Amino acid sequence: MENMLKNKRVLITQSADFMGPVLCEVFAEQGAEVIANAEGLTAPDAAARIVRAAGEIDVLVANLALKAPSTPAVNVTDAEWCEVFAALVDPLPRLLRAAAPAMISRRAGKILVIGSASALRGMKRASTYSAARGAQLAYVQAVGVELAAHNIQVNAIAQNFVENPMYFPPEVQANPRFQERLIREVPLGRLVAAREDALFAAYLCSDAANCFVGQVFPVCGGWVAR
C-alpha cells in the first residue's frame, strides 16, 4: 500500500528515541504530515503542551521509552518503580486528555501506543519494566473500547526482537551470544526490521484499519507468550 497516510497530520512523541526515527521516516513516505517531538514526557505539563503545540492532529503515536532497568525484583526501589512508570505510563492519560477531546468532536482519530511484549511473557530481572509496559497495554484495551463509540481507534503494538537503537543497538546485534539467542528463541531467526514494524504501525494509523479498537498486536518475529 502506498500513501496510506495521505493528508493525515501525525504527532509522534519521543521522536528521537526507540522507534521514533523510523516511524517519522516511514510515516512521511506514506504521505503524512509528521509533527515530530523529541521532548520527554515525564513532566506533568509536557503532554498537554506538546499536543497543543502540534495543532489539529489526526493521529497520535505514543512512542514512549527509557532504558530498561535489570534489577532483581527483591531489590527494586520505590525510586526505580516511580521513574519507570513516570516515563512509560503516566504520560498516557495526559496525552489522551490533551488529544482525544478534539478527536471526539470530529468523530475521527487514531491513537497508537508503541509498547513492548515484555508484558506478555515472564522475563527475569525485568519486573519494573514489564509491569509498566503491561499497564500500557491494559490502558489501551480499556480506553480503546470506550472511545470506539466516538469513532476513535486506540490500539497498541507490543513488540520485542524488533530492530531499534535503544534496546538492540549494533553492538548487541553483533554479539554471537545474542545471535544464538535469536535462533533459539525467535522462529523468524532474526530481528524484525525497523521498517517492517513502522509500516505495520502506518497501516494501523490508516483508514484501512478502522475496524480495530482496543487491540494489542504482538510484533515479535514469531516469539510468543508462554
N, C-alpha and C. Protein backbone atom coordinates (compact mmCIF):
# COMPACT_ATOMS: atom_id res chain seq x y z
N MET A 1 0.84 -1.19 0.00
CA MET A 1 0.00 0.00 0.00
C MET A 1 0.87 1.24 0.00
N GLU A 2 0.47 2.24 -0.77
CA GLU A 2 1.20 3.50 -0.84
C GLU A 2 0.30 4.64 -0.40
N ASN A 3 0.93 5.67 0.16
CA ASN A 3 0.19 6.86 0.60
C ASN A 3 -0.94 6.52 1.56
N MET A 4 -0.67 5.56 2.46
CA MET A 4 -1.68 5.15 3.44
C MET A 4 -2.12 6.31 4.32
N LEU A 5 -1.21 7.27 4.52
CA LEU A 5 -1.47 8.35 5.48
C LEU A 5 -1.57 9.72 4.79
N LYS A 6 -1.92 9.72 3.53
CA LYS A 6 -2.03 10.98 2.80
C LYS A 6 -3.04 11.90 3.48
N ASN A 7 -2.64 13.15 3.64
CA ASN A 7 -3.47 14.19 4.25
C ASN A 7 -3.70 13.99 5.75
N LYS A 8 -2.93 13.11 6.39
CA LYS A 8 -3.05 12.92 7.84
C LYS A 8 -1.95 13.71 8.55
N ARG A 9 -2.33 14.40 9.60
CA ARG A 9 -1.35 15.08 10.46
C ARG A 9 -1.10 14.17 11.65
N VAL A 10 0.16 13.78 11.82
CA VAL A 10 0.52 12.77 12.81
C VAL A 10 1.54 13.33 13.79
N LEU A 11 1.22 13.26 15.06
CA LEU A 11 2.15 13.64 16.12
C LEU A 11 2.84 12.39 16.64
N ILE A 12 4.16 12.38 16.60
CA ILE A 12 4.95 11.26 17.11
C ILE A 12 5.78 11.75 18.29
N THR A 13 5.58 11.14 19.45
CA THR A 13 6.30 11.58 20.65
C THR A 13 7.65 10.87 20.77
N GLN A 14 8.52 11.46 21.57
CA GLN A 14 9.89 10.96 21.77
C GLN A 14 10.48 10.53 20.43
N SER A 15 10.41 11.42 19.48
CA SER A 15 10.73 11.09 18.09
C SER A 15 12.18 10.73 17.84
N ALA A 16 13.07 11.03 18.78
CA ALA A 16 14.48 10.68 18.61
C ALA A 16 14.83 9.36 19.28
N ASP A 17 13.87 8.74 19.97
CA ASP A 17 14.14 7.54 20.76
C ASP A 17 13.36 6.34 20.26
N PHE A 18 13.82 5.16 20.66
CA PHE A 18 13.09 3.91 20.43
C PHE A 18 12.74 3.78 18.95
N MET A 19 11.47 3.74 18.59
CA MET A 19 11.07 3.60 17.19
C MET A 19 10.82 4.95 16.51
N GLY A 20 11.06 6.04 17.23
CA GLY A 20 10.74 7.37 16.72
C GLY A 20 11.33 7.70 15.36
N PRO A 21 12.64 7.56 15.16
CA PRO A 21 13.21 7.96 13.87
C PRO A 21 12.63 7.23 12.67
N VAL A 22 12.49 5.91 12.78
CA VAL A 22 11.97 5.16 11.64
C VAL A 22 10.48 5.41 11.45
N LEU A 23 9.75 5.64 12.52
CA LEU A 23 8.33 5.99 12.38
C LEU A 23 8.18 7.30 11.62
N CYS A 24 8.97 8.29 11.97
CA CYS A 24 8.91 9.58 11.28
C CYS A 24 9.22 9.41 9.79
N GLU A 25 10.23 8.61 9.49
CA GLU A 25 10.64 8.40 8.10
C GLU A 25 9.55 7.69 7.30
N VAL A 26 9.05 6.60 7.83
CA VAL A 26 8.07 5.79 7.10
C VAL A 26 6.73 6.52 6.99
N PHE A 27 6.30 7.17 8.05
CA PHE A 27 5.02 7.88 8.00
C PHE A 27 5.07 9.00 6.96
N ALA A 28 6.20 9.70 6.89
CA ALA A 28 6.34 10.75 5.87
C ALA A 28 6.30 10.14 4.47
N GLU A 29 6.95 9.01 4.29
CA GLU A 29 6.91 8.33 3.00
C GLU A 29 5.49 7.95 2.61
N GLN A 30 4.67 7.67 3.62
CA GLN A 30 3.29 7.26 3.37
C GLN A 30 2.33 8.45 3.26
N GLY A 31 2.89 9.65 3.14
CA GLY A 31 2.08 10.82 2.85
C GLY A 31 1.66 11.65 4.04
N ALA A 32 2.06 11.26 5.25
CA ALA A 32 1.65 12.01 6.43
C ALA A 32 2.44 13.30 6.58
N GLU A 33 1.79 14.28 7.18
CA GLU A 33 2.50 15.45 7.68
C GLU A 33 2.90 15.11 9.11
N VAL A 34 4.17 14.85 9.32
CA VAL A 34 4.66 14.36 10.60
C VAL A 34 5.07 15.53 11.49
N ILE A 35 4.52 15.56 12.69
CA ILE A 35 4.96 16.51 13.71
C ILE A 35 5.77 15.69 14.70
N ALA A 36 7.08 15.79 14.59
CA ALA A 36 7.99 15.00 15.43
C ALA A 36 8.38 15.83 16.65
N ASN A 37 8.14 15.27 17.83
CA ASN A 37 8.52 15.97 19.05
C ASN A 37 9.43 15.06 19.87
N ALA A 38 10.65 15.51 20.11
CA ALA A 38 11.65 14.69 20.77
C ALA A 38 11.67 14.87 22.29
N GLU A 39 10.82 15.73 22.80
CA GLU A 39 10.83 16.04 24.23
C GLU A 39 10.38 14.84 25.07
N GLY A 40 10.96 14.68 26.26
CA GLY A 40 10.47 13.69 27.20
C GLY A 40 9.13 14.10 27.77
N LEU A 41 8.40 13.14 28.31
CA LEU A 41 7.04 13.42 28.75
C LEU A 41 6.84 13.18 30.25
N THR A 42 7.91 13.18 31.01
CA THR A 42 7.76 12.92 32.44
C THR A 42 7.19 14.12 33.19
N ALA A 43 7.42 15.32 32.71
CA ALA A 43 6.86 16.50 33.37
C ALA A 43 5.34 16.48 33.24
N PRO A 44 4.61 16.76 34.32
CA PRO A 44 3.14 16.68 34.26
C PRO A 44 2.49 17.53 33.18
N ASP A 45 3.13 18.65 32.81
CA ASP A 45 2.52 19.53 31.81
C ASP A 45 3.00 19.26 30.39
N ALA A 46 3.92 18.32 30.21
CA ALA A 46 4.56 18.12 28.91
C ALA A 46 3.57 17.65 27.85
N ALA A 47 2.73 16.68 28.18
CA ALA A 47 1.81 16.11 27.18
C ALA A 47 0.87 17.18 26.63
N ALA A 48 0.25 17.94 27.51
CA ALA A 48 -0.69 18.97 27.06
C ALA A 48 0.02 20.02 26.22
N ARG A 49 1.22 20.38 26.62
CA ARG A 49 1.96 21.40 25.88
C ARG A 49 2.34 20.91 24.49
N ILE A 50 2.77 19.66 24.39
CA ILE A 50 3.19 19.10 23.10
C ILE A 50 2.00 18.97 22.16
N VAL A 51 0.88 18.48 22.67
CA VAL A 51 -0.31 18.33 21.83
C VAL A 51 -0.83 19.69 21.39
N ARG A 52 -0.83 20.64 22.29
CA ARG A 52 -1.29 21.99 21.95
C ARG A 52 -0.41 22.61 20.87
N ALA A 53 0.89 22.43 20.98
CA ALA A 53 1.82 22.99 20.00
C ALA A 53 1.66 22.34 18.63
N ALA A 54 1.23 21.08 18.60
CA ALA A 54 1.09 20.36 17.33
C ALA A 54 -0.10 20.86 16.52
N GLY A 55 -1.07 21.46 17.16
CA GLY A 55 -2.27 21.88 16.46
C GLY A 55 -3.19 20.69 16.20
N GLU A 56 -4.09 20.85 15.24
CA GLU A 56 -5.04 19.77 14.96
C GLU A 56 -4.31 18.55 14.40
N ILE A 57 -4.53 17.39 15.00
CA ILE A 57 -3.88 16.16 14.54
C ILE A 57 -4.94 15.09 14.28
N ASP A 58 -4.63 14.24 13.32
CA ASP A 58 -5.50 13.10 13.01
C ASP A 58 -5.05 11.86 13.77
N VAL A 59 -3.75 11.78 14.04
CA VAL A 59 -3.17 10.58 14.65
C VAL A 59 -2.17 11.00 15.72
N LEU A 60 -2.23 10.30 16.84
CA LEU A 60 -1.23 10.44 17.90
C LEU A 60 -0.51 9.10 18.05
N VAL A 61 0.80 9.11 17.87
CA VAL A 61 1.61 7.92 18.11
C VAL A 61 2.37 8.14 19.41
N ALA A 62 1.97 7.38 20.44
CA ALA A 62 2.62 7.49 21.75
C ALA A 62 3.80 6.54 21.78
N ASN A 63 4.94 7.05 21.39
CA ASN A 63 6.20 6.31 21.37
C ASN A 63 6.96 6.71 22.63
N LEU A 64 6.87 5.86 23.66
CA LEU A 64 7.45 6.18 24.97
C LEU A 64 8.51 5.14 25.30
N ALA A 65 9.64 5.59 25.79
CA ALA A 65 10.72 4.64 26.06
C ALA A 65 11.70 5.19 27.07
N LEU A 66 12.38 4.28 27.73
CA LEU A 66 13.55 4.58 28.54
C LEU A 66 14.36 3.31 28.64
N LYS A 67 15.60 3.44 29.04
CA LYS A 67 16.46 2.27 29.17
C LYS A 67 15.90 1.38 30.29
N ALA A 68 15.66 0.12 29.97
CA ALA A 68 15.02 -0.78 30.94
C ALA A 68 16.01 -1.18 32.04
N PRO A 69 15.64 -0.99 33.30
CA PRO A 69 16.50 -1.47 34.38
C PRO A 69 16.49 -2.99 34.44
N SER A 70 17.54 -3.57 34.96
CA SER A 70 17.63 -5.03 35.08
C SER A 70 17.86 -5.41 36.54
N THR A 71 17.00 -4.91 37.40
CA THR A 71 17.14 -5.10 38.85
C THR A 71 16.37 -6.35 39.29
N PRO A 72 16.99 -7.22 40.10
CA PRO A 72 16.21 -8.32 40.67
C PRO A 72 15.00 -7.78 41.43
N ALA A 73 13.90 -8.48 41.36
CA ALA A 73 12.65 -7.97 41.91
C ALA A 73 12.76 -7.57 43.38
N VAL A 74 13.50 -8.35 44.17
CA VAL A 74 13.60 -8.06 45.61
C VAL A 74 14.42 -6.81 45.88
N ASN A 75 15.13 -6.32 44.87
CA ASN A 75 15.96 -5.13 45.06
C ASN A 75 15.38 -3.87 44.40
N VAL A 76 14.20 -3.98 43.80
CA VAL A 76 13.59 -2.83 43.14
C VAL A 76 13.19 -1.80 44.18
N THR A 77 13.65 -0.58 44.01
CA THR A 77 13.34 0.50 44.95
C THR A 77 12.09 1.26 44.51
N ASP A 78 11.53 2.01 45.44
CA ASP A 78 10.40 2.88 45.08
C ASP A 78 10.81 3.88 44.01
N ALA A 79 12.06 4.35 44.09
CA ALA A 79 12.53 5.35 43.13
C ALA A 79 12.56 4.77 41.72
N GLU A 80 13.05 3.55 41.59
CA GLU A 80 13.09 2.92 40.27
C GLU A 80 11.68 2.74 39.72
N TRP A 81 10.80 2.21 40.56
CA TRP A 81 9.41 1.96 40.15
C TRP A 81 8.75 3.26 39.67
N CYS A 82 8.91 4.31 40.44
CA CYS A 82 8.29 5.59 40.09
C CYS A 82 8.89 6.18 38.82
N GLU A 83 10.20 6.05 38.65
CA GLU A 83 10.86 6.59 37.46
C GLU A 83 10.35 5.91 36.19
N VAL A 84 10.24 4.59 36.22
CA VAL A 84 9.81 3.85 35.04
C VAL A 84 8.35 4.14 34.71
N PHE A 85 7.50 4.16 35.73
CA PHE A 85 6.08 4.45 35.48
C PHE A 85 5.89 5.90 35.04
N ALA A 86 6.71 6.80 35.56
CA ALA A 86 6.61 8.21 35.15
C ALA A 86 6.95 8.39 33.68
N ALA A 87 7.84 7.55 33.16
CA ALA A 87 8.24 7.67 31.76
C ALA A 87 7.31 6.93 30.81
N LEU A 88 6.79 5.77 31.24
CA LEU A 88 6.06 4.90 30.32
C LEU A 88 4.55 4.90 30.51
N VAL A 89 4.07 5.17 31.70
CA VAL A 89 2.63 5.02 31.99
C VAL A 89 1.95 6.36 32.22
N ASP A 90 2.50 7.17 33.11
CA ASP A 90 1.84 8.43 33.46
C ASP A 90 1.55 9.34 32.26
N PRO A 91 2.41 9.35 31.21
CA PRO A 91 2.10 10.24 30.08
C PRO A 91 0.85 9.83 29.29
N LEU A 92 0.44 8.57 29.36
CA LEU A 92 -0.66 8.12 28.51
C LEU A 92 -1.98 8.82 28.81
N PRO A 93 -2.46 8.85 30.05
CA PRO A 93 -3.71 9.57 30.29
C PRO A 93 -3.60 11.07 30.02
N ARG A 94 -2.41 11.62 30.22
CA ARG A 94 -2.22 13.04 29.93
C ARG A 94 -2.32 13.30 28.43
N LEU A 95 -1.69 12.43 27.63
CA LEU A 95 -1.79 12.57 26.18
C LEU A 95 -3.23 12.41 25.72
N LEU A 96 -3.92 11.45 26.31
CA LEU A 96 -5.31 11.21 25.92
C LEU A 96 -6.18 12.42 26.26
N ARG A 97 -6.02 12.96 27.45
CA ARG A 97 -6.82 14.13 27.85
C ARG A 97 -6.56 15.30 26.92
N ALA A 98 -5.33 15.40 26.42
CA ALA A 98 -4.98 16.53 25.55
C ALA A 98 -5.46 16.33 24.12
N ALA A 99 -5.40 15.11 23.60
CA ALA A 99 -5.67 14.87 22.18
C ALA A 99 -7.09 14.40 21.89
N ALA A 100 -7.67 13.62 22.80
CA ALA A 100 -8.95 12.97 22.48
C ALA A 100 -10.14 13.91 22.35
N PRO A 101 -10.27 14.98 23.16
CA PRO A 101 -11.47 15.82 23.02
C PRO A 101 -11.71 16.34 21.61
N ALA A 102 -10.66 16.79 20.93
CA ALA A 102 -10.83 17.29 19.56
C ALA A 102 -11.21 16.15 18.63
N MET A 103 -10.65 14.97 18.85
CA MET A 103 -11.00 13.82 18.03
C MET A 103 -12.46 13.42 18.26
N ILE A 104 -12.89 13.47 19.51
CA ILE A 104 -14.29 13.16 19.82
C ILE A 104 -15.20 14.15 19.12
N SER A 105 -14.84 15.42 19.14
CA SER A 105 -15.65 16.45 18.49
C SER A 105 -15.77 16.20 16.99
N ARG A 106 -14.67 15.74 16.37
CA ARG A 106 -14.67 15.48 14.92
C ARG A 106 -15.18 14.08 14.59
N ARG A 107 -15.32 13.24 15.62
CA ARG A 107 -15.67 11.83 15.44
C ARG A 107 -14.69 11.14 14.48
N ALA A 108 -13.42 11.39 14.72
CA ALA A 108 -12.38 10.77 13.90
C ALA A 108 -11.04 10.94 14.60
N GLY A 109 -10.24 9.89 14.56
CA GLY A 109 -8.90 9.99 15.12
C GLY A 109 -8.34 8.63 15.47
N LYS A 110 -7.03 8.57 15.57
CA LYS A 110 -6.37 7.33 15.94
C LYS A 110 -5.26 7.62 16.96
N ILE A 111 -5.14 6.72 17.91
CA ILE A 111 -4.05 6.77 18.89
C ILE A 111 -3.40 5.40 18.89
N LEU A 112 -2.09 5.37 18.65
CA LEU A 112 -1.34 4.12 18.64
C LEU A 112 -0.22 4.20 19.66
N VAL A 113 -0.19 3.23 20.56
CA VAL A 113 0.87 3.15 21.56
C VAL A 113 1.91 2.14 21.09
N ILE A 114 3.16 2.55 21.05
CA ILE A 114 4.25 1.65 20.70
C ILE A 114 4.77 1.05 22.01
N GLY A 115 4.35 -0.19 22.28
CA GLY A 115 4.65 -0.83 23.56
C GLY A 115 5.61 -1.98 23.42
N SER A 116 5.56 -2.89 24.37
CA SER A 116 6.51 -3.99 24.43
C SER A 116 5.83 -5.29 24.79
N ALA A 117 6.32 -6.37 24.21
CA ALA A 117 5.81 -7.70 24.53
C ALA A 117 6.41 -8.25 25.82
N SER A 118 7.24 -7.47 26.48
CA SER A 118 7.77 -7.92 27.77
C SER A 118 6.65 -8.15 28.77
N ALA A 119 5.52 -7.50 28.54
CA ALA A 119 4.36 -7.67 29.43
C ALA A 119 3.63 -8.98 29.16
N LEU A 120 3.94 -9.64 28.06
CA LEU A 120 3.21 -10.84 27.67
C LEU A 120 3.93 -12.13 28.03
N ARG A 121 5.12 -12.01 28.57
CA ARG A 121 5.92 -13.19 28.88
C ARG A 121 6.83 -12.87 30.06
N GLY A 122 6.92 -13.77 31.00
CA GLY A 122 7.78 -13.53 32.15
C GLY A 122 9.24 -13.40 31.75
N MET A 123 9.88 -12.38 32.24
CA MET A 123 11.30 -12.14 31.94
C MET A 123 12.02 -11.82 33.25
N LYS A 124 13.10 -12.52 33.50
CA LYS A 124 13.88 -12.30 34.73
C LYS A 124 14.46 -10.89 34.74
N ARG A 125 14.54 -10.34 35.94
CA ARG A 125 15.17 -9.03 36.17
C ARG A 125 14.53 -7.92 35.34
N ALA A 126 13.24 -8.04 35.10
CA ALA A 126 12.54 -7.01 34.31
C ALA A 126 11.19 -6.68 34.91
N SER A 127 11.04 -6.86 36.22
CA SER A 127 9.72 -6.72 36.83
C SER A 127 9.16 -5.30 36.69
N THR A 128 9.99 -4.31 36.91
CA THR A 128 9.51 -2.93 36.84
C THR A 128 9.12 -2.56 35.42
N TYR A 129 10.01 -2.83 34.50
CA TYR A 129 9.76 -2.52 33.09
C TYR A 129 8.56 -3.28 32.56
N SER A 130 8.49 -4.57 32.84
CA SER A 130 7.37 -5.39 32.36
C SER A 130 6.04 -4.91 32.93
N ALA A 131 6.04 -4.54 34.20
CA ALA A 131 4.81 -4.05 34.82
C ALA A 131 4.34 -2.76 34.16
N ALA A 132 5.28 -1.86 33.87
CA ALA A 132 4.91 -0.60 33.22
C ALA A 132 4.40 -0.83 31.81
N ARG A 133 5.08 -1.69 31.07
CA ARG A 133 4.62 -1.99 29.71
C ARG A 133 3.27 -2.71 29.75
N GLY A 134 3.05 -3.54 30.76
CA GLY A 134 1.75 -4.19 30.90
C GLY A 134 0.65 -3.20 31.19
N ALA A 135 0.95 -2.20 32.00
CA ALA A 135 -0.03 -1.16 32.30
C ALA A 135 -0.41 -0.39 31.04
N GLN A 136 0.56 -0.16 30.16
CA GLN A 136 0.25 0.50 28.89
C GLN A 136 -0.79 -0.30 28.10
N LEU A 137 -0.57 -1.61 28.01
CA LEU A 137 -1.46 -2.45 27.21
C LEU A 137 -2.85 -2.53 27.82
N ALA A 138 -2.93 -2.63 29.14
CA ALA A 138 -4.23 -2.66 29.80
C ALA A 138 -4.98 -1.35 29.58
N TYR A 139 -4.25 -0.25 29.62
CA TYR A 139 -4.86 1.06 29.40
C TYR A 139 -5.43 1.15 27.98
N VAL A 140 -4.68 0.68 27.01
CA VAL A 140 -5.14 0.71 25.62
C VAL A 140 -6.40 -0.13 25.44
N GLN A 141 -6.44 -1.29 26.06
CA GLN A 141 -7.61 -2.16 25.91
C GLN A 141 -8.86 -1.50 26.50
N ALA A 142 -8.71 -0.87 27.65
CA ALA A 142 -9.86 -0.23 28.29
C ALA A 142 -10.30 1.01 27.54
N VAL A 143 -9.35 1.88 27.22
CA VAL A 143 -9.69 3.13 26.53
C VAL A 143 -10.17 2.85 25.10
N GLY A 144 -9.60 1.82 24.48
CA GLY A 144 -9.97 1.50 23.12
C GLY A 144 -11.44 1.19 22.95
N VAL A 145 -12.00 0.39 23.87
CA VAL A 145 -13.42 0.06 23.76
C VAL A 145 -14.30 1.25 24.15
N GLU A 146 -13.77 2.14 24.99
CA GLU A 146 -14.53 3.31 25.41
C GLU A 146 -14.64 4.34 24.29
N LEU A 147 -13.53 4.58 23.60
CA LEU A 147 -13.52 5.61 22.57
C LEU A 147 -14.02 5.12 21.22
N ALA A 148 -14.20 3.81 21.09
CA ALA A 148 -14.72 3.28 19.83
C ALA A 148 -16.08 3.87 19.48
N ALA A 149 -16.88 4.16 20.49
CA ALA A 149 -18.21 4.74 20.26
C ALA A 149 -18.12 6.12 19.61
N HIS A 150 -16.95 6.76 19.71
CA HIS A 150 -16.75 8.08 19.11
C HIS A 150 -16.00 7.98 17.78
N ASN A 151 -15.88 6.77 17.27
CA ASN A 151 -15.17 6.53 16.00
C ASN A 151 -13.68 6.87 16.11
N ILE A 152 -13.12 6.63 17.29
CA ILE A 152 -11.68 6.80 17.52
C ILE A 152 -11.09 5.43 17.78
N GLN A 153 -10.02 5.11 17.07
CA GLN A 153 -9.39 3.80 17.21
C GLN A 153 -8.11 3.93 18.04
N VAL A 154 -8.09 3.26 19.18
CA VAL A 154 -6.93 3.25 20.06
C VAL A 154 -6.40 1.82 20.11
N ASN A 155 -5.16 1.63 19.72
CA ASN A 155 -4.55 0.30 19.68
C ASN A 155 -3.10 0.38 20.12
N ALA A 156 -2.46 -0.77 20.23
CA ALA A 156 -1.05 -0.82 20.66
C ALA A 156 -0.31 -1.89 19.88
N ILE A 157 0.95 -1.65 19.66
CA ILE A 157 1.88 -2.67 19.18
C ILE A 157 2.72 -3.10 20.38
N ALA A 158 2.71 -4.41 20.65
CA ALA A 158 3.54 -4.96 21.73
C ALA A 158 4.70 -5.69 21.07
N GLN A 159 5.84 -5.07 21.06
CA GLN A 159 6.94 -5.61 20.26
C GLN A 159 8.11 -6.09 21.11
N ASN A 160 8.83 -7.03 20.54
CA ASN A 160 10.11 -7.48 21.08
C ASN A 160 10.89 -8.08 19.92
N PHE A 161 12.20 -8.08 20.06
CA PHE A 161 13.06 -8.53 18.98
C PHE A 161 12.76 -7.76 17.69
N VAL A 162 12.59 -6.44 17.86
CA VAL A 162 12.42 -5.54 16.73
C VAL A 162 13.63 -4.62 16.70
N GLU A 163 14.24 -4.48 15.56
CA GLU A 163 15.44 -3.68 15.40
C GLU A 163 15.18 -2.24 15.84
N ASN A 164 15.96 -1.75 16.81
CA ASN A 164 15.92 -0.35 17.20
C ASN A 164 17.16 -0.03 18.00
N PRO A 165 17.63 1.23 17.95
CA PRO A 165 18.90 1.58 18.57
C PRO A 165 18.88 1.62 20.09
N MET A 166 17.70 1.67 20.71
CA MET A 166 17.64 1.77 22.16
C MET A 166 17.82 0.43 22.84
N TYR A 167 17.11 -0.58 22.37
CA TYR A 167 17.12 -1.88 23.04
C TYR A 167 17.99 -2.92 22.33
N PHE A 168 18.20 -2.73 21.03
CA PHE A 168 19.05 -3.66 20.28
C PHE A 168 20.04 -2.89 19.41
N PRO A 169 20.98 -2.17 20.04
CA PRO A 169 21.96 -1.40 19.28
C PRO A 169 22.89 -2.33 18.50
N PRO A 170 23.67 -1.79 17.56
CA PRO A 170 24.53 -2.62 16.71
C PRO A 170 25.47 -3.54 17.48
N GLU A 171 26.00 -3.06 18.61
CA GLU A 171 26.93 -3.91 19.36
C GLU A 171 26.24 -5.12 19.96
N VAL A 172 24.97 -4.98 20.32
CA VAL A 172 24.22 -6.14 20.81
C VAL A 172 23.94 -7.10 19.66
N GLN A 173 23.50 -6.57 18.53
CA GLN A 173 23.19 -7.41 17.38
C GLN A 173 24.41 -8.19 16.89
N ALA A 174 25.62 -7.61 17.05
CA ALA A 174 26.84 -8.27 16.57
C ALA A 174 27.36 -9.33 17.53
N ASN A 175 26.81 -9.36 18.73
CA ASN A 175 27.27 -10.32 19.74
C ASN A 175 26.85 -11.74 19.36
N PRO A 176 27.82 -12.68 19.24
CA PRO A 176 27.46 -14.06 18.86
C PRO A 176 26.46 -14.70 19.80
N ARG A 177 26.53 -14.38 21.08
CA ARG A 177 25.57 -14.97 22.03
C ARG A 177 24.17 -14.47 21.75
N PHE A 178 24.05 -13.20 21.36
CA PHE A 178 22.73 -12.68 21.02
C PHE A 178 22.22 -13.33 19.74
N GLN A 179 23.08 -13.52 18.76
CA GLN A 179 22.69 -14.17 17.53
C GLN A 179 22.21 -15.60 17.78
N GLU A 180 22.88 -16.30 18.69
CA GLU A 180 22.44 -17.64 19.07
C GLU A 180 21.08 -17.60 19.75
N ARG A 181 20.87 -16.56 20.57
CA ARG A 181 19.58 -16.41 21.24
C ARG A 181 18.46 -16.21 20.24
N LEU A 182 18.72 -15.42 19.21
CA LEU A 182 17.70 -15.20 18.18
C LEU A 182 17.29 -16.52 17.54
N ILE A 183 18.27 -17.33 17.20
CA ILE A 183 17.98 -18.61 16.56
C ILE A 183 17.22 -19.52 17.50
N ARG A 184 17.58 -19.44 18.79
CA ARG A 184 16.97 -20.33 19.79
C ARG A 184 15.54 -19.89 20.15
N GLU A 185 15.30 -18.59 20.27
CA GLU A 185 14.04 -18.11 20.82
C GLU A 185 13.07 -17.51 19.81
N VAL A 186 13.57 -17.10 18.66
CA VAL A 186 12.72 -16.39 17.71
C VAL A 186 12.55 -17.24 16.44
N PRO A 187 11.34 -17.73 16.17
CA PRO A 187 11.14 -18.56 14.98
C PRO A 187 11.63 -17.92 13.69
N LEU A 188 11.49 -16.61 13.59
CA LEU A 188 11.95 -15.91 12.39
C LEU A 188 13.46 -16.03 12.23
N GLY A 189 14.17 -16.21 13.34
CA GLY A 189 15.62 -16.35 13.30
C GLY A 189 16.37 -15.05 13.15
N ARG A 190 15.69 -13.95 13.27
CA ARG A 190 16.30 -12.62 13.12
C ARG A 190 15.42 -11.59 13.81
N LEU A 191 15.95 -10.40 13.97
CA LEU A 191 15.14 -9.29 14.45
C LEU A 191 14.13 -8.88 13.37
N VAL A 192 12.95 -8.47 13.79
CA VAL A 192 12.04 -7.80 12.87
C VAL A 192 12.69 -6.49 12.45
N ALA A 193 12.71 -6.20 11.17
CA ALA A 193 13.32 -4.96 10.69
C ALA A 193 12.52 -3.76 11.17
N ALA A 194 13.21 -2.67 11.45
CA ALA A 194 12.55 -1.47 11.94
C ALA A 194 11.49 -0.98 10.96
N ARG A 195 11.79 -1.05 9.67
CA ARG A 195 10.83 -0.59 8.65
C ARG A 195 9.61 -1.51 8.60
N GLU A 196 9.80 -2.79 8.82
CA GLU A 196 8.65 -3.70 8.84
C GLU A 196 7.68 -3.29 9.94
N ASP A 197 8.22 -3.00 11.10
CA ASP A 197 7.41 -2.60 12.25
C ASP A 197 6.73 -1.26 11.97
N ALA A 198 7.49 -0.31 11.40
CA ALA A 198 6.95 1.02 11.15
C ALA A 198 5.86 0.99 10.07
N LEU A 199 6.01 0.14 9.08
CA LEU A 199 4.97 0.01 8.06
C LEU A 199 3.69 -0.56 8.65
N PHE A 200 3.83 -1.50 9.58
CA PHE A 200 2.64 -2.03 10.25
C PHE A 200 1.98 -0.94 11.09
N ALA A 201 2.79 -0.14 11.76
CA ALA A 201 2.25 0.98 12.52
C ALA A 201 1.50 1.95 11.61
N ALA A 202 2.07 2.22 10.44
CA ALA A 202 1.41 3.12 9.48
C ALA A 202 0.06 2.55 9.06
N TYR A 203 0.01 1.26 8.84
CA TYR A 203 -1.26 0.63 8.48
C TYR A 203 -2.29 0.82 9.60
N LEU A 204 -1.88 0.59 10.84
CA LEU A 204 -2.82 0.72 11.96
C LEU A 204 -3.30 2.16 12.13
N CYS A 205 -2.53 3.11 11.64
CA CYS A 205 -2.93 4.52 11.73
C CYS A 205 -3.68 5.00 10.49
N SER A 206 -3.92 4.11 9.56
CA SER A 206 -4.60 4.48 8.31
C SER A 206 -6.09 4.16 8.39
N ASP A 207 -6.84 4.68 7.43
CA ASP A 207 -8.28 4.42 7.39
C ASP A 207 -8.58 2.96 7.10
N ALA A 208 -7.62 2.23 6.57
CA ALA A 208 -7.83 0.81 6.28
C ALA A 208 -7.97 -0.01 7.56
N ALA A 209 -7.56 0.54 8.70
CA ALA A 209 -7.59 -0.19 9.96
C ALA A 209 -8.66 0.33 10.91
N ASN A 210 -9.72 0.90 10.38
CA ASN A 210 -10.77 1.46 11.23
C ASN A 210 -11.51 0.41 12.05
N CYS A 211 -11.37 -0.86 11.69
CA CYS A 211 -12.12 -1.92 12.37
C CYS A 211 -11.45 -2.40 13.65
N PHE A 212 -10.23 -1.94 13.95
CA PHE A 212 -9.51 -2.41 15.13
C PHE A 212 -9.63 -1.40 16.27
N VAL A 213 -10.13 -1.85 17.42
CA VAL A 213 -10.25 -0.97 18.59
C VAL A 213 -9.82 -1.73 19.84
N GLY A 214 -8.98 -1.10 20.65
CA GLY A 214 -8.55 -1.71 21.91
C GLY A 214 -7.75 -2.97 21.72
N GLN A 215 -7.05 -3.09 20.60
CA GLN A 215 -6.30 -4.30 20.30
C GLN A 215 -4.81 -4.13 20.62
N VAL A 216 -4.19 -5.23 21.01
CA VAL A 216 -2.75 -5.29 21.25
C VAL A 216 -2.16 -6.26 20.24
N PHE A 217 -1.31 -5.75 19.36
CA PHE A 217 -0.75 -6.56 18.28
C PHE A 217 0.70 -6.91 18.60
N PRO A 218 1.00 -8.19 18.89
CA PRO A 218 2.40 -8.57 19.10
C PRO A 218 3.18 -8.53 17.79
N VAL A 219 4.35 -7.92 17.82
CA VAL A 219 5.28 -7.91 16.68
C VAL A 219 6.61 -8.39 17.24
N CYS A 220 6.87 -9.68 17.06
CA CYS A 220 7.99 -10.28 17.79
C CYS A 220 8.74 -11.32 16.98
N GLY A 221 8.60 -11.35 15.68
CA GLY A 221 9.33 -12.33 14.88
C GLY A 221 8.90 -13.76 15.16
N GLY A 222 7.67 -13.93 15.62
CA GLY A 222 7.19 -15.26 15.93
C GLY A 222 7.34 -15.65 17.38
N TRP A 223 8.05 -14.80 18.16
CA TRP A 223 8.20 -15.00 19.62
C TRP A 223 6.84 -14.79 20.26
N VAL A 224 6.43 -15.73 21.10
CA VAL A 224 5.09 -15.65 21.69
C VAL A 224 5.15 -15.79 23.19
N ALA A 225 4.06 -15.38 23.83
CA ALA A 225 3.95 -15.52 25.28
C ALA A 225 3.86 -16.99 25.65
N ARG A 226 4.32 -17.32 26.81
CA ARG A 226 4.21 -18.72 27.28
C ARG A 226 4.01 -18.73 28.77
